[in-house]
Amino acid sequence: MIGLDYGCGPNPTLSGLLAQHQLTCHNYDPLFGFNHPLQAYDFIFATECVEHFRYPKDDFLKMDGLLKPKGFLSIMTDHWQSLDQFATWYYKRDVTHVSFYHQRTFAFIRAQA
């Protein structure tokens, strides 16, 4: 299996952890100079990066295009729960967080695939 750590950040760790289990994982992060080979992946991890997407649709379409049929996409980010909670939510105070997601957002995205 070959995977991709999409938005790996300046110090990729998943690829090293997966290599310990004989899994290949390429690193991709346009901000930190990690480029991926153009190929289809068995799995893609997007860990704590989707909140940084300025054009989320573009990135989700890019990930979908890089994923093999029946491939696995794993996304980790914090979700907002309610408008009341959003007002005081710590996650939105990070100025690099520009996209926020609710569980319904991911249900919508999943339905588009």
PDB file of N, CA and C in Angstrom:
ATOM      1  N   MET A   1       0.842  -1.188   0.000  1.00  0.00           N
ATOM      2  CA  MET A   1       0.000   0.000   0.000  1.00  0.00           C
ATOM      3  C   MET A   1       0.883   1.246   0.000  1.00  0.00           C
ATOM      4  N   ILE A   2       0.421   2.235  -0.720  1.00  0.00           N
ATOM      5  CA  ILE A   2       1.136   3.504  -0.775  1.00  0.00           C
ATOM      6  C   ILE A   2       0.160   4.606  -0.385  1.00  0.00           C
ATOM      7  N   GLY A   3       0.602   5.465   0.522  1.00  0.00           N
ATOM      8  CA  GLY A   3      -0.244   6.530   1.009  1.00  0.00           C
ATOM      9  C   GLY A   3       0.375   7.898   0.820  1.00  0.00           C
ATOM     10  N   LEU A   4      -0.399   8.893   1.197  1.00  0.00           N
ATOM     11  CA  LEU A   4       0.016  10.287   1.096  1.00  0.00           C
ATOM     12  C   LEU A   4      -0.374  11.009   2.378  1.00  0.00           C
ATOM     13  N   ASP A   5       0.570  11.724   2.947  1.00  0.00           N
ATOM     14  CA  ASP A   5       0.285  12.612   4.078  1.00  0.00           C
ATOM     15  C   ASP A   5       0.075  13.997   3.479  1.00  0.00           C
ATOM     16  N   TYR A   6      -1.183  14.334   3.248  1.00  0.00           N
ATOM     17  CA  TYR A   6      -1.570  15.582   2.586  1.00  0.00           C
ATOM     18  C   TYR A   6      -1.550  16.703   3.619  1.00  0.00           C
ATOM     19  N   GLY A   7      -0.682  17.692   3.421  1.00  0.00           N
ATOM     20  CA  GLY A   7      -0.554  18.765   4.399  1.00  0.00           C
ATOM     21  C   GLY A   7       0.310  18.335   5.564  1.00  0.00           C
ATOM     22  N   CYS A   8       1.420  17.687   5.268  1.00  0.00           N
ATOM     23  CA  CYS A   8       2.263  17.068   6.298  1.00  0.00           C
ATOM     24  C   CYS A   8       2.941  18.063   7.225  1.00  0.00           C
ATOM     25  N   GLY A   9       2.985  19.336   6.854  1.00  0.00           N
ATOM     26  CA  GLY A   9       3.634  20.332   7.693  1.00  0.00           C
ATOM     27  C   GLY A   9       5.145  20.319   7.524  1.00  0.00           C
ATOM     28  N   PRO A  10       5.847  21.132   8.308  1.00  0.00           N
ATOM     29  CA  PRO A  10       7.288  21.274   8.134  1.00  0.00           C
ATOM     30  C   PRO A  10       8.106  20.070   8.610  1.00  0.00           C
ATOM     31  N   ASN A  11       7.538  19.265   9.485  1.00  0.00           N
ATOM     32  CA  ASN A  11       8.246  18.105  10.038  1.00  0.00           C
ATOM     33  C   ASN A  11       7.376  16.855   9.920  1.00  0.00           C
ATOM     34  N   PRO A  12       7.342  16.234   8.741  1.00  0.00           N
ATOM     35  CA  PRO A  12       6.482  15.058   8.545  1.00  0.00           C
ATOM     36  C   PRO A  12       6.807  13.939   9.534  1.00  0.00           C
ATOM     37  N   THR A  13       5.759  13.374  10.122  1.00  0.00           N
ATOM     38  CA  THR A  13       5.969  12.277  11.073  1.00  0.00           C
ATOM     39  C   THR A  13       5.240  11.001  10.661  1.00  0.00           C
ATOM     40  N   LEU A  14       4.085  11.136  10.020  1.00  0.00           N
ATOM     41  CA  LEU A  14       3.313   9.944   9.661  1.00  0.00           C
ATOM     42  C   LEU A  14       4.089   9.015   8.742  1.00  0.00           C
ATOM     43  N   SER A  15       4.814   9.572   7.776  1.00  0.00           N
ATOM     44  CA  SER A  15       5.552   8.721   6.841  1.00  0.00           C
ATOM     45  C   SER A  15       6.585   7.880   7.581  1.00  0.00           C
ATOM     46  N   GLY A  16       7.235   8.450   8.574  1.00  0.00           N
ATOM     47  CA  GLY A  16       8.206   7.695   9.366  1.00  0.00           C
ATOM     48  C   GLY A  16       7.562   6.625  10.212  1.00  0.00           C
ATOM     49  N   LEU A  17       6.432   6.960  10.823  1.00  0.00           N
ATOM     50  CA  LEU A  17       5.716   5.976  11.636  1.00  0.00           C
ATOM     51  C   LEU A  17       5.216   4.813  10.785  1.00  0.00           C
ATOM     52  N   LEU A  18       4.690   5.120   9.618  1.00  0.00           N
ATOM     53  CA  LEU A  18       4.173   4.076   8.737  1.00  0.00           C
ATOM     54  C   LEU A  18       5.301   3.221   8.155  1.00  0.00           C
ATOM     55  N   ALA A  19       6.452   3.826   7.908  1.00  0.00           N
ATOM     56  CA  ALA A  19       7.594   3.068   7.389  1.00  0.00           C
ATOM     57  C   ALA A  19       8.016   1.975   8.374  1.00  0.00           C
ATOM     58  N   GLN A  20       7.828   2.230   9.654  1.00  0.00           N
ATOM     59  CA  GLN A  20       8.144   1.219  10.670  1.00  0.00           C
ATOM     60  C   GLN A  20       7.254  -0.021  10.514  1.00  0.00           C
ATOM     61  N   HIS A  21       6.131   0.139   9.813  1.00  0.00           N
ATOM     62  CA  HIS A  21       5.196  -0.968   9.576  1.00  0.00           C
ATOM     63  C   HIS A  21       5.188  -1.377   8.102  1.00  0.00           C
ATOM     64  N   GLN A  22       6.283  -1.064   7.418  1.00  0.00           N
ATOM     65  CA  GLN A  22       6.477  -1.414   6.009  1.00  0.00           C
ATOM     66  C   GLN A  22       5.414  -0.813   5.086  1.00  0.00           C
ATOM     67  N   LEU A  23       4.915   0.361   5.420  1.00  0.00           N
ATOM     68  CA  LEU A  23       3.972   1.073   4.563  1.00  0.00           C
ATOM     69  C   LEU A  23       4.660   2.321   4.018  1.00  0.00           C
ATOM     70  N   THR A  24       4.512   2.546   2.727  1.00  0.00           N
ATOM     71  CA  THR A  24       5.095   3.724   2.094  1.00  0.00           C
ATOM     72  C   THR A  24       4.087   4.860   2.152  1.00  0.00           C
ATOM     73  N   CYS A  25       4.561   6.011   2.588  1.00  0.00           N
ATOM     74  CA  CYS A  25       3.708   7.194   2.656  1.00  0.00           C
ATOM     75  C   CYS A  25       4.524   8.386   2.172  1.00  0.00           C
ATOM     76  N   HIS A  26       4.061   9.012   1.088  1.00  0.00           N
ATOM     77  CA  HIS A  26       4.721  10.203   0.574  1.00  0.00           C
ATOM     78  C   HIS A  26       4.217  11.426   1.332  1.00  0.00           C
ATOM     79  N   ASN A  27       5.018  12.472   1.314  1.00  0.00           N
ATOM     80  CA  ASN A  27       4.670  13.720   1.997  1.00  0.00           C
ATOM     81  C   ASN A  27       4.286  14.781   0.983  1.00  0.00           C
ATOM     82  N   TYR A  28       3.247  15.559   1.320  1.00  0.00           N
ATOM     83  CA  TYR A  28       2.827  16.661   0.472  1.00  0.00           C
ATOM     84  C   TYR A  28       2.436  17.838   1.350  1.00  0.00           C
ATOM     85  N   ASP A  29       3.052  18.962   1.093  1.00  0.00           N
ATOM     86  CA  ASP A  29       2.658  20.212   1.726  1.00  0.00           C
ATOM     87  C   ASP A  29       3.219  21.351   0.887  1.00  0.00           C
ATOM     88  N   PRO A  30       2.365  22.058   0.149  1.00  0.00           N
ATOM     89  CA  PRO A  30       2.871  23.104  -0.741  1.00  0.00           C
ATOM     90  C   PRO A  30       3.537  24.255  -0.001  1.00  0.00           C
ATOM     91  N   LEU A  31       3.154  24.491   1.237  1.00  0.00           N
ATOM     92  CA  LEU A  31       3.748  25.594   1.996  1.00  0.00           C
ATOM     93  C   LEU A  31       5.163  25.288   2.467  1.00  0.00           C
ATOM     94  N   PHE A  32       5.472  24.011   2.642  1.00  0.00           N
ATOM     95  CA  PHE A  32       6.765  23.628   3.195  1.00  0.00           C
ATOM     96  C   PHE A  32       7.624  22.854   2.197  1.00  0.00           C
ATOM     97  N   GLY A  33       7.250  22.899   0.914  1.00  0.00           N
ATOM     98  CA  GLY A  33       8.085  22.357  -0.142  1.00  0.00           C
ATOM     99  C   GLY A  33       8.078  20.854  -0.315  1.00  0.00           C
ATOM    100  N   PHE A  34       7.076  20.179   0.230  1.00  0.00           N
ATOM    101  CA  PHE A  34       6.967  18.732   0.023  1.00  0.00           C
ATOM    102  C   PHE A  34       5.995  18.486  -1.122  1.00  0.00           C
ATOM    103  N   ASN A  35       6.487  17.887  -2.185  1.00  0.00           N
ATOM    104  CA  ASN A  35       5.649  17.594  -3.344  1.00  0.00           C
ATOM    105  C   ASN A  35       5.450  16.099  -3.485  1.00  0.00           C
ATOM    106  N   HIS A  36       4.278  15.714  -3.903  1.00  0.00           N
ATOM    107  CA  HIS A  36       3.948  14.296  -4.060  1.00  0.00           C
ATOM    108  C   HIS A  36       4.149  13.862  -5.507  1.00  0.00           C
ATOM    109  N   PRO A  37       4.475  12.606  -5.716  1.00  0.00           N
ATOM    110  CA  PRO A  37       4.488  12.082  -7.085  1.00  0.00           C
ATOM    111  C   PRO A  37       3.043  12.017  -7.608  1.00  0.00           C
ATOM    112  N   LEU A  38       2.891  12.186  -8.894  1.00  0.00           N
ATOM    113  CA  LEU A  38       1.546  12.101  -9.472  1.00  0.00           C
ATOM    114  C   LEU A  38       1.188  10.632  -9.646  1.00  0.00           C
ATOM    115  N   GLN A  39       0.435  10.127  -8.723  1.00  0.00           N
ATOM    116  CA  GLN A  39      -0.011   8.744  -8.777  1.00  0.00           C
ATOM    117  C   GLN A  39      -1.264   8.620  -7.935  1.00  0.00           C
ATOM    118  N   ALA A  40      -1.879   7.468  -7.984  1.00  0.00           N
ATOM    119  CA  ALA A  40      -3.060   7.210  -7.164  1.00  0.00           C
ATOM    120  C   ALA A  40      -2.613   6.533  -5.878  1.00  0.00           C
ATOM    121  N   TYR A  41      -3.257   6.906  -4.792  1.00  0.00           N
ATOM    122  CA  TYR A  41      -2.875   6.411  -3.472  1.00  0.00           C
ATOM    123  C   TYR A  41      -3.956   5.506  -2.885  1.00  0.00           C
ATOM    124  N   ASP A  42      -3.501   4.535  -2.101  1.00  0.00           N
ATOM    125  CA  ASP A  42      -4.412   3.639  -1.393  1.00  0.00           C
ATOM    126  C   ASP A  42      -5.057   4.332  -0.199  1.00  0.00           C
ATOM    127  N   PHE A  43      -4.319   5.266   0.391  1.00  0.00           N
ATOM    128  CA  PHE A  43      -4.849   6.021   1.521  1.00  0.00           C
ATOM    129  C   PHE A  43      -4.234   7.410   1.543  1.00  0.00           C
ATOM    130  N   ILE A  44      -4.997   8.344   2.056  1.00  0.00           N
ATOM    131  CA  ILE A  44      -4.528   9.718   2.237  1.00  0.00           C
ATOM    132  C   ILE A  44      -4.901  10.149   3.647  1.00  0.00           C
ATOM    133  N   PHE A  45      -3.926  10.697   4.338  1.00  0.00           N
ATOM    134  CA  PHE A  45      -4.166  11.299   5.648  1.00  0.00           C
ATOM    135  C   PHE A  45      -4.109  12.812   5.499  1.00  0.00           C
ATOM    136  N   ALA A  46      -5.091  13.499   6.050  1.00  0.00           N
ATOM    137  CA  ALA A  46      -5.106  14.959   6.117  1.00  0.00           C
ATOM    138  C   ALA A  46      -5.290  15.305   7.595  1.00  0.00           C
ATOM    139  N   THR A  47      -4.190  15.415   8.288  1.00  0.00           N
ATOM    140  CA  THR A  47      -4.208  15.580   9.745  1.00  0.00           C
ATOM    141  C   THR A  47      -3.961  17.032  10.123  1.00  0.00           C
ATOM    142  N   GLU A  48      -4.968  17.642  10.731  1.00  0.00           N
ATOM    143  CA  GLU A  48      -4.867  19.024  11.192  1.00  0.00           C
ATOM    144  C   GLU A  48      -4.389  19.966  10.087  1.00  0.00           C
ATOM    145  N   CYS A  49      -4.958  19.781   8.887  1.00  0.00           N
ATOM    146  CA  CYS A  49      -4.590  20.696   7.789  1.00  0.00           C
ATOM    147  C   CYS A  49      -5.810  21.280   7.078  1.00  0.00           C
ATOM    148  N   VAL A  50      -6.969  20.608   7.108  1.00  0.00           N
ATOM    149  CA  VAL A  50      -8.114  21.077   6.330  1.00  0.00           C
ATOM    150  C   VAL A  50      -8.629  22.429   6.810  1.00  0.00           C
ATOM    151  N   GLU A  51      -8.351  22.767   8.062  1.00  0.00           N
ATOM    152  CA  GLU A  51      -8.763  24.075   8.583  1.00  0.00           C
ATOM    153  C   GLU A  51      -7.917  25.209   7.991  1.00  0.00           C
ATOM    154  N   HIS A  52      -6.816  24.853   7.317  1.00  0.00           N
ATOM    155  CA  HIS A  52      -5.945  25.842   6.686  1.00  0.00           C
ATOM    156  C   HIS A  52      -6.266  26.034   5.207  1.00  0.00           C
ATOM    157  N   PHE A  53      -7.206  25.273   4.667  1.00  0.00           N
ATOM    158  CA  PHE A  53      -7.538  25.348   3.239  1.00  0.00           C
ATOM    159  C   PHE A  53      -8.264  26.658   2.935  1.00  0.00           C
ATOM    160  N   ARG A  54      -7.664  27.478   2.081  1.00  0.00           N
ATOM    161  CA  ARG A  54      -8.322  28.717   1.660  1.00  0.00           C
ATOM    162  C   ARG A  54      -9.404  28.437   0.615  1.00  0.00           C
ATOM    163  N   TYR A  55      -9.215  27.376  -0.162  1.00  0.00           N
ATOM    164  CA  TYR A  55     -10.183  26.969  -1.172  1.00  0.00           C
ATOM    165  C   TYR A  55     -10.474  25.485  -0.957  1.00  0.00           C
ATOM    166  N   PRO A  56     -11.259  25.163   0.075  1.00  0.00           N
ATOM    167  CA  PRO A  56     -11.460  23.762   0.453  1.00  0.00           C
ATOM    168  C   PRO A  56     -11.928  22.869  -0.686  1.00  0.00           C
ATOM    169  N   LYS A  57     -12.824  23.362  -1.517  1.00  0.00           N
ATOM    170  CA  LYS A  57     -13.332  22.525  -2.620  1.00  0.00           C
ATOM    171  C   LYS A  57     -12.174  22.062  -3.499  1.00  0.00           C
ATOM    172  N   ASP A  58     -11.246  22.953  -3.803  1.00  0.00           N
ATOM    173  CA  ASP A  58     -10.104  22.596  -4.648  1.00  0.00           C
ATOM    174  C   ASP A  58      -9.267  21.491  -4.012  1.00  0.00           C
ATOM    175  N   ASP A  59      -8.982  21.632  -2.719  1.00  0.00           N
ATOM    176  CA  ASP A  59      -8.160  20.622  -2.037  1.00  0.00           C
ATOM    177  C   ASP A  59      -8.893  19.291  -1.900  1.00  0.00           C
ATOM    178  N   PHE A  60     -10.187  19.323  -1.599  1.00  0.00           N
ATOM    179  CA  PHE A  60     -10.933  18.072  -1.494  1.00  0.00           C
ATOM    180  C   PHE A  60     -11.022  17.371  -2.855  1.00  0.00           C
ATOM    181  N   LEU A  61     -11.195  18.147  -3.920  1.00  0.00           N
ATOM    182  CA  LEU A  61     -11.199  17.548  -5.259  1.00  0.00           C
ATOM    183  C   LEU A  61      -9.827  16.983  -5.611  1.00  0.00           C
ATOM    184  N   LYS A  62      -8.767  17.685  -5.216  1.00  0.00           N
ATOM    185  CA  LYS A  62      -7.412  17.186  -5.477  1.00  0.00           C
ATOM    186  C   LYS A  62      -7.191  15.867  -4.743  1.00  0.00           C
ATOM    187  N   MET A  63      -7.588  15.809  -3.459  1.00  0.00           N
ATOM    188  CA  MET A  63      -7.430  14.559  -2.702  1.00  0.00           C
ATOM    189  C   MET A  63      -8.242  13.445  -3.341  1.00  0.00           C
ATOM    190  N   ASP A  64      -9.472  13.753  -3.740  1.00  0.00           N
ATOM    191  CA  ASP A  64     -10.323  12.738  -4.364  1.00  0.00           C
ATOM    192  C   ASP A  64      -9.684  12.213  -5.649  1.00  0.00           C
ATOM    193  N   GLY A  65      -9.082  13.102  -6.418  1.00  0.00           N
ATOM    194  CA  GLY A  65      -8.430  12.694  -7.650  1.00  0.00           C
ATOM    195  C   GLY A  65      -7.169  11.864  -7.433  1.00  0.00           C
ATOM    196  N   LEU A  66      -6.560  11.993  -6.269  1.00  0.00           N
ATOM    197  CA  LEU A  66      -5.343  11.232  -5.951  1.00  0.00           C
ATOM    198  C   LEU A  66      -5.640   9.900  -5.272  1.00  0.00           C
ATOM    199  N   LEU A  67      -6.880   9.680  -4.908  1.00  0.00           N
ATOM    200  CA  LEU A  67      -7.256   8.479  -4.168  1.00  0.00           C
ATOM    201  C   LEU A  67      -7.722   7.384  -5.120  1.00  0.00           C
ATOM    202  N   LYS A  68      -7.201   6.189  -4.944  1.00  0.00           N
ATOM    203  CA  LYS A  68      -7.647   5.055  -5.754  1.00  0.00           C
ATOM    204  C   LYS A  68      -9.118   4.754  -5.462  1.00  0.00           C
ATOM    205  N   PRO A  69      -9.820   4.136  -6.412  1.00  0.00           N
ATOM    206  CA  PRO A  69     -11.183   3.697  -6.110  1.00  0.00           C
ATOM    207  C   PRO A  69     -11.150   2.798  -4.870  1.00  0.00           C
ATOM    208  N   LYS A  70     -12.068   2.997  -3.984  1.00  0.00           N
ATOM    209  CA  LYS A  70     -12.159   2.258  -2.721  1.00  0.00           C
ATOM    210  C   LYS A  70     -11.008   2.598  -1.775  1.00  0.00           C
ATOM    211  N   GLY A  71     -10.282   3.684  -2.090  1.00  0.00           N
ATOM    212  CA  GLY A  71      -9.207   4.137  -1.211  1.00  0.00           C
ATOM    213  C   GLY A  71      -9.772   4.739   0.064  1.00  0.00           C
ATOM    214  N   PHE A  72      -8.893   5.014   0.996  1.00  0.00           N
ATOM    215  CA  PHE A  72      -9.290   5.471   2.324  1.00  0.00           C
ATOM    216  C   PHE A  72      -8.779   6.883   2.554  1.00  0.00           C
ATOM    217  N   LEU A  73      -9.682   7.785   2.921  1.00  0.00           N
ATOM    218  CA  LEU A  73      -9.321   9.158   3.270  1.00  0.00           C
ATOM    219  C   LEU A  73      -9.588   9.368   4.749  1.00  0.00           C
ATOM    220  N   SER A  74      -8.556   9.778   5.467  1.00  0.00           N
ATOM    221  CA  SER A  74      -8.680  10.046   6.901  1.00  0.00           C
ATOM    222  C   SER A  74      -8.419  11.528   7.147  1.00  0.00           C
ATOM    223  N   ILE A  75      -9.403  12.207   7.738  1.00  0.00           N
ATOM    224  CA  ILE A  75      -9.293  13.635   8.028  1.00  0.00           C
ATOM    225  C   ILE A  75      -9.407  13.833   9.528  1.00  0.00           C
ATOM    226  N   MET A  76      -8.471  14.601  10.077  1.00  0.00           N
ATOM    227  CA  MET A  76      -8.540  14.931  11.501  1.00  0.00           C
ATOM    228  C   MET A  76      -8.536  16.447  11.640  1.00  0.00           C
ATOM    229  N   THR A  77      -9.587  16.968  12.225  1.00  0.00           N
ATOM    230  CA  THR A  77      -9.712  18.387  12.530  1.00  0.00           C
ATOM    231  C   THR A  77     -10.759  18.531  13.623  1.00  0.00           C
ATOM    232  N   ASP A  78     -10.770  19.656  14.282  1.00  0.00           N
ATOM    233  CA  ASP A  78     -11.803  19.887  15.288  1.00  0.00           C
ATOM    234  C   ASP A  78     -13.062  20.386  14.580  1.00  0.00           C
ATOM    235  N   HIS A  79     -14.228  19.987  15.076  1.00  0.00           N
ATOM    236  CA  HIS A  79     -15.507  20.402  14.503  1.00  0.00           C
ATOM    237  C   HIS A  79     -16.145  21.456  15.402  1.00  0.00           C
ATOM    238  N   TRP A  80     -16.854  22.379  14.797  1.00  0.00           N
ATOM    239  CA  TRP A  80     -17.688  23.250  15.617  1.00  0.00           C
ATOM    240  C   TRP A  80     -19.020  22.539  15.825  1.00  0.00           C
ATOM    241  N   GLN A  81     -19.629  22.783  16.965  1.00  0.00           N
ATOM    242  CA  GLN A  81     -20.837  22.048  17.350  1.00  0.00           C
ATOM    243  C   GLN A  81     -22.115  22.879  17.216  1.00  0.00           C
ATOM    244  N   SER A  82     -22.041  24.150  17.614  1.00  0.00           N
ATOM    245  CA  SER A  82     -23.219  25.009  17.581  1.00  0.00           C
ATOM    246  C   SER A  82     -22.756  26.451  17.419  1.00  0.00           C
ATOM    247  N   LEU A  83     -23.670  27.321  17.029  1.00  0.00           N
ATOM    248  CA  LEU A  83     -23.310  28.732  16.884  1.00  0.00           C
ATOM    249  C   LEU A  83     -22.915  29.346  18.223  1.00  0.00           C
ATOM    250  N   ASP A  84     -23.576  28.937  19.296  1.00  0.00           N
ATOM    251  CA  ASP A  84     -23.205  29.439  20.619  1.00  0.00           C
ATOM    252  C   ASP A  84     -21.779  29.034  20.972  1.00  0.00           C
ATOM    253  N   GLN A  85     -21.450  27.791  20.713  1.00  0.00           N
ATOM    254  CA  GLN A  85     -20.107  27.287  21.011  1.00  0.00           C
ATOM    255  C   GLN A  85     -19.069  27.944  20.102  1.00  0.00           C
ATOM    256  N   PHE A  86     -19.436  28.221  18.854  1.00  0.00           N
ATOM    257  CA  PHE A  86     -18.500  28.812  17.903  1.00  0.00           C
ATOM    258  C   PHE A  86     -18.003  30.171  18.389  1.00  0.00           C
ATOM    259  N   ALA A  87     -18.873  30.935  19.027  1.00  0.00           N
ATOM    260  CA  ALA A  87     -18.524  32.286  19.471  1.00  0.00           C
ATOM    261  C   ALA A  87     -17.308  32.296  20.401  1.00  0.00           C
ATOM    262  N   THR A  88     -17.138  31.268  21.193  1.00  0.00           N
ATOM    263  CA  THR A  88     -16.024  31.239  22.150  1.00  0.00           C
ATOM    264  C   THR A  88     -15.026  30.117  21.854  1.00  0.00           C
ATOM    265  N   TRP A  89     -15.139  29.488  20.722  1.00  0.00           N
ATOM    266  CA  TRP A  89     -14.333  28.336  20.352  1.00  0.00           C
ATOM    267  C   TRP A  89     -12.868  28.718  20.180  1.00  0.00           C
ATOM    268  N   TYR A  90     -11.983  28.040  20.884  1.00  0.00           N
ATOM    269  CA  TYR A  90     -10.545  28.326  20.821  1.00  0.00           C
ATOM    270  C   TYR A  90      -9.985  28.137  19.404  1.00  0.00           C
ATOM    271  N   TYR A  91     -10.537  27.197  18.654  1.00  0.00           N
ATOM    272  CA  TYR A  91      -9.996  26.797  17.361  1.00  0.00           C
ATOM    273  C   TYR A  91     -10.039  27.934  16.345  1.00  0.00           C
ATOM    274  N   LYS A  92     -11.041  28.797  16.442  1.00  0.00           N
ATOM    275  CA  LYS A  92     -11.172  29.876  15.467  1.00  0.00           C
ATOM    276  C   LYS A  92     -10.246  31.039  15.767  1.00  0.00           C
ATOM    277  N   ARG A  93      -9.613  31.036  16.928  1.00  0.00           N
ATOM    278  CA  ARG A  93      -8.700  32.131  17.276  1.00  0.00           C
ATOM    279  C   ARG A  93      -7.349  32.020  16.584  1.00  0.00           C
ATOM    280  N   ASP A  94      -7.019  30.863  16.041  1.00  0.00           N
ATOM    281  CA  ASP A  94      -5.778  30.685  15.291  1.00  0.00           C
ATOM    282  C   ASP A  94      -5.971  31.363  13.932  1.00  0.00           C
ATOM    283  N   VAL A  95      -5.194  32.399  13.658  1.00  0.00           N
ATOM    284  CA  VAL A  95      -5.396  33.176  12.426  1.00  0.00           C
ATOM    285  C   VAL A  95      -5.103  32.376  11.161  1.00  0.00           C
ATOM    286  N   THR A  96      -4.407  31.245  11.283  1.00  0.00           N
ATOM    287  CA  THR A  96      -4.151  30.410  10.109  1.00  0.00           C
ATOM    288  C   THR A  96      -5.310  29.458   9.818  1.00  0.00           C
ATOM    289  N   HIS A  97      -6.266  29.375  10.738  1.00  0.00           N
ATOM    290  CA  HIS A  97      -7.467  28.556  10.518  1.00  0.00           C
ATOM    291  C   HIS A  97      -8.489  29.413   9.781  1.00  0.00           C
ATOM    292  N   VAL A  98      -8.754  29.039   8.550  1.00  0.00           N
ATOM    293  CA  VAL A  98      -9.639  29.854   7.712  1.00  0.00           C
ATOM    294  C   VAL A  98     -10.883  29.097   7.239  1.00  0.00           C
ATOM    295  N   SER A  99     -10.928  27.791   7.468  1.00  0.00           N
ATOM    296  CA  SER A  99     -12.092  26.973   7.096  1.00  0.00           C
ATOM    297  C   SER A  99     -12.505  26.148   8.300  1.00  0.00           C
ATOM    298  N   PHE A 100     -13.795  26.171   8.583  1.00  0.00           N
ATOM    299  CA  PHE A 100     -14.303  25.465   9.756  1.00  0.00           C
ATOM    300  C   PHE A 100     -15.389  24.497   9.333  1.00  0.00           C
ATOM    301  N   TYR A 101     -15.464  23.373  10.029  1.00  0.00           N
ATOM    302  CA  TYR A 101     -16.319  22.274   9.609  1.00  0.00           C
ATOM    303  C   TYR A 101     -17.223  21.807  10.740  1.00  0.00           C
ATOM    304  N   HIS A 102     -18.393  21.421  10.350  1.00  0.00           N
ATOM    305  CA  HIS A 102     -19.370  20.796  11.232  1.00  0.00           C
ATOM    306  C   HIS A 102     -19.504  19.353  10.740  1.00  0.00           C
ATOM    307  N   GLN A 103     -20.042  18.477  11.545  1.00  0.00           N
ATOM    308  CA  GLN A 103     -20.238  17.094  11.089  1.00  0.00           C
ATOM    309  C   GLN A 103     -21.088  17.045   9.826  1.00  0.00           C
ATOM    310  N   ARG A 104     -22.048  17.954   9.724  1.00  0.00           N
ATOM    311  CA  ARG A 104     -22.898  17.998   8.528  1.00  0.00           C
ATOM    312  C   ARG A 104     -22.092  18.409   7.291  1.00  0.00           C
ATOM    313  N   THR A 105     -21.047  19.218   7.496  1.00  0.00           N
ATOM    314  CA  THR A 105     -20.192  19.604   6.373  1.00  0.00           C
ATOM    315  C   THR A 105     -19.538  18.376   5.773  1.00  0.00           C
ATOM    316  N   PHE A 106     -19.002  17.502   6.636  1.00  0.00           N
ATOM    317  CA  PHE A 106     -18.345  16.300   6.139  1.00  0.00           C
ATOM    318  C   PHE A 106     -19.351  15.313   5.538  1.00  0.00           C
ATOM    319  N   ALA A 107     -20.555  15.291   6.053  1.00  0.00           N
ATOM    320  CA  ALA A 107     -21.594  14.454   5.447  1.00  0.00           C
ATOM    321  C   ALA A 107     -21.890  14.933   4.029  1.00  0.00           C
ATOM    322  N   PHE A 108     -21.943  16.255   3.855  1.00  0.00           N
ATOM    323  CA  PHE A 108     -22.167  16.840   2.531  1.00  0.00           C
ATOM    324  C   PHE A 108     -21.018  16.500   1.582  1.00  0.00           C
ATOM    325  N   ILE A 109     -19.779  16.688   2.047  1.00  0.00           N
ATOM    326  CA  ILE A 109     -18.605  16.391   1.228  1.00  0.00           C
ATOM    327  C   ILE A 109     -18.591  14.927   0.830  1.00  0.00           C
ATOM    328  N   ARG A 110     -18.865  14.058   1.781  1.00  0.00           N
ATOM    329  CA  ARG A 110     -18.897  12.600   1.522  1.00  0.00           C
ATOM    330  C   ARG A 110     -19.937  12.260   0.458  1.00  0.00           C
ATOM    331  N   ALA A 111     -21.079  12.932   0.498  1.00  0.00           N
ATOM    332  CA  ALA A 111     -22.156  12.652  -0.461  1.00  0.00           C
ATOM    333  C   ALA A 111     -21.793  13.088  -1.872  1.00  0.00           C
ATOM    334  N   GLN A 112     -20.831  14.005  -2.015  1.00  0.00           N
ATOM    335  CA  GLN A 112     -20.431  14.489  -3.332  1.00  0.00           C
ATOM    336  C   GLN A 112     -19.523  13.495  -4.045  1.00  0.00           C
ATOM    337  N   ALA A 113     -18.860  12.637  -3.298  1.00  0.00           N
ATOM    338  CA  ALA A 113     -17.877  11.709  -3.904  1.00  0.00           C
ATOM    339  C   ALA A 113     -18.543  10.616  -4.691  1.00  0.00           C
TER     340      ALA A 113
END
